[in-house]
Protein backbone atom coordinates (compact mmCIF):
# COMPACT_ATOMS: atom_id res chain seq x y z
CA UNK A 1 31.90 -83.36 -43.65
CA UNK A 2 28.51 -84.73 -44.55
CA UNK A 3 28.90 -86.93 -41.29
CA UNK A 4 29.02 -83.88 -39.24
CA UNK A 5 26.10 -82.77 -41.02
CA UNK A 6 24.03 -86.02 -40.52
CA UNK A 7 25.15 -86.26 -37.05
CA UNK A 8 24.26 -82.45 -35.83
CA UNK A 9 20.65 -82.34 -37.77
CA UNK A 10 18.22 -83.34 -35.85
CA UNK A 11 14.10 -83.33 -36.81
CA UNK A 12 11.54 -82.95 -34.70
CA UNK A 13 9.09 -85.24 -36.71
CA UNK A 14 10.33 -88.88 -36.40
CA UNK A 15 9.61 -91.71 -39.34
CA UNK A 16 6.74 -93.14 -37.34
CA UNK A 17 4.81 -90.31 -38.17
CA UNK A 18 1.63 -89.73 -35.43
CA UNK A 19 3.54 -90.93 -32.70
CA UNK A 20 4.26 -87.44 -30.95
CA UNK A 21 0.61 -86.66 -31.96
CA UNK A 22 -0.54 -89.48 -30.09
CA UNK A 23 1.17 -88.59 -26.79
CA UNK A 24 0.70 -84.55 -26.95
CA UNK A 25 -3.22 -85.75 -27.16
CA UNK A 26 -3.21 -87.95 -24.46
CA UNK A 27 -1.06 -85.40 -22.54
CA UNK A 28 -3.58 -82.73 -23.17
CA UNK A 29 -6.47 -84.66 -22.37
CA UNK A 30 -5.09 -85.89 -18.95
CA UNK A 31 -4.17 -82.76 -18.31
CA UNK A 32 -7.35 -81.02 -19.13
CA UNK A 33 -9.22 -83.48 -17.11
CA UNK A 34 -6.94 -82.59 -13.98
CA UNK A 35 -7.62 -79.03 -14.54
CA UNK A 36 -11.35 -79.04 -14.99
CA UNK A 37 -11.55 -81.07 -11.81
CA UNK A 38 -9.49 -78.91 -9.82
CA UNK A 39 -11.93 -75.98 -10.93
CA UNK A 40 -14.91 -78.12 -9.97
CA UNK A 41 -13.30 -78.80 -6.71
CA UNK A 42 -12.61 -75.10 -6.00
CA UNK A 43 -16.00 -74.03 -7.75
CA UNK A 44 -17.43 -76.44 -4.54
CA UNK A 45 -15.06 -75.15 -1.97
CA UNK A 46 -16.13 -71.66 -2.78
CA UNK A 47 -19.98 -71.80 -2.49
CA UNK A 48 -21.45 -70.40 0.15
CA UNK A 49 -24.09 -72.32 1.04
CA UNK A 50 -23.90 -76.03 1.16
CA UNK A 51 -27.46 -76.59 1.22
CA UNK A 52 -28.55 -75.29 -2.10
CA UNK A 53 -26.60 -75.42 -5.37
CA UNK A 54 -24.44 -72.29 -6.36
CA UNK A 55 -26.29 -69.78 -9.12
CA UNK A 56 -24.33 -70.33 -12.31
CA UNK A 57 -26.04 -67.38 -14.78
CA UNK A 58 -25.18 -67.19 -18.23
CA UNK A 59 -23.06 -64.12 -17.80
CA UNK A 60 -20.29 -66.10 -15.82
CA UNK A 61 -20.85 -69.20 -18.32
CA UNK A 62 -20.17 -66.49 -21.07
CA UNK A 63 -16.90 -64.87 -19.24
CA UNK A 64 -15.71 -68.43 -18.29
CA UNK A 65 -16.11 -69.27 -22.09
CA UNK A 66 -14.18 -66.49 -23.31
CA UNK A 67 -11.59 -66.94 -20.50
CA UNK A 68 -11.23 -70.54 -22.31
CA UNK A 69 -11.09 -69.40 -25.85
CA UNK A 70 -8.34 -66.97 -24.66
CA UNK A 71 -6.02 -70.09 -23.36
CA UNK A 72 -6.88 -72.07 -26.19
CA UNK A 73 -5.59 -69.53 -28.50
CA UNK A 74 -2.73 -69.01 -26.56
CA UNK A 75 -1.62 -72.63 -26.63
CA UNK A 76 -2.11 -72.75 -30.13
CA UNK A 77 -0.06 -70.02 -30.64
CA UNK A 78 2.87 -72.05 -29.11
CA UNK A 79 3.20 -73.95 -32.07
CA UNK A 80 3.60 -71.30 -34.27
């Protein structure tokens, strides 16, 4: 009976400790950089005038910040 229990029980945290944490951090950093690069590209493509930098107001920055905080909160809820 104990052989069956040992074979059927799997632990998400392996004995190496932080190996999975490092993988998650690397995947998060790379995907965050790619999403940021894509967002910057879309921001540039949607600017109306190529000769002048687009206007980025404090209100737009605040709106993006609130959206990002909501995204981070939703990602952190996945771990619960």
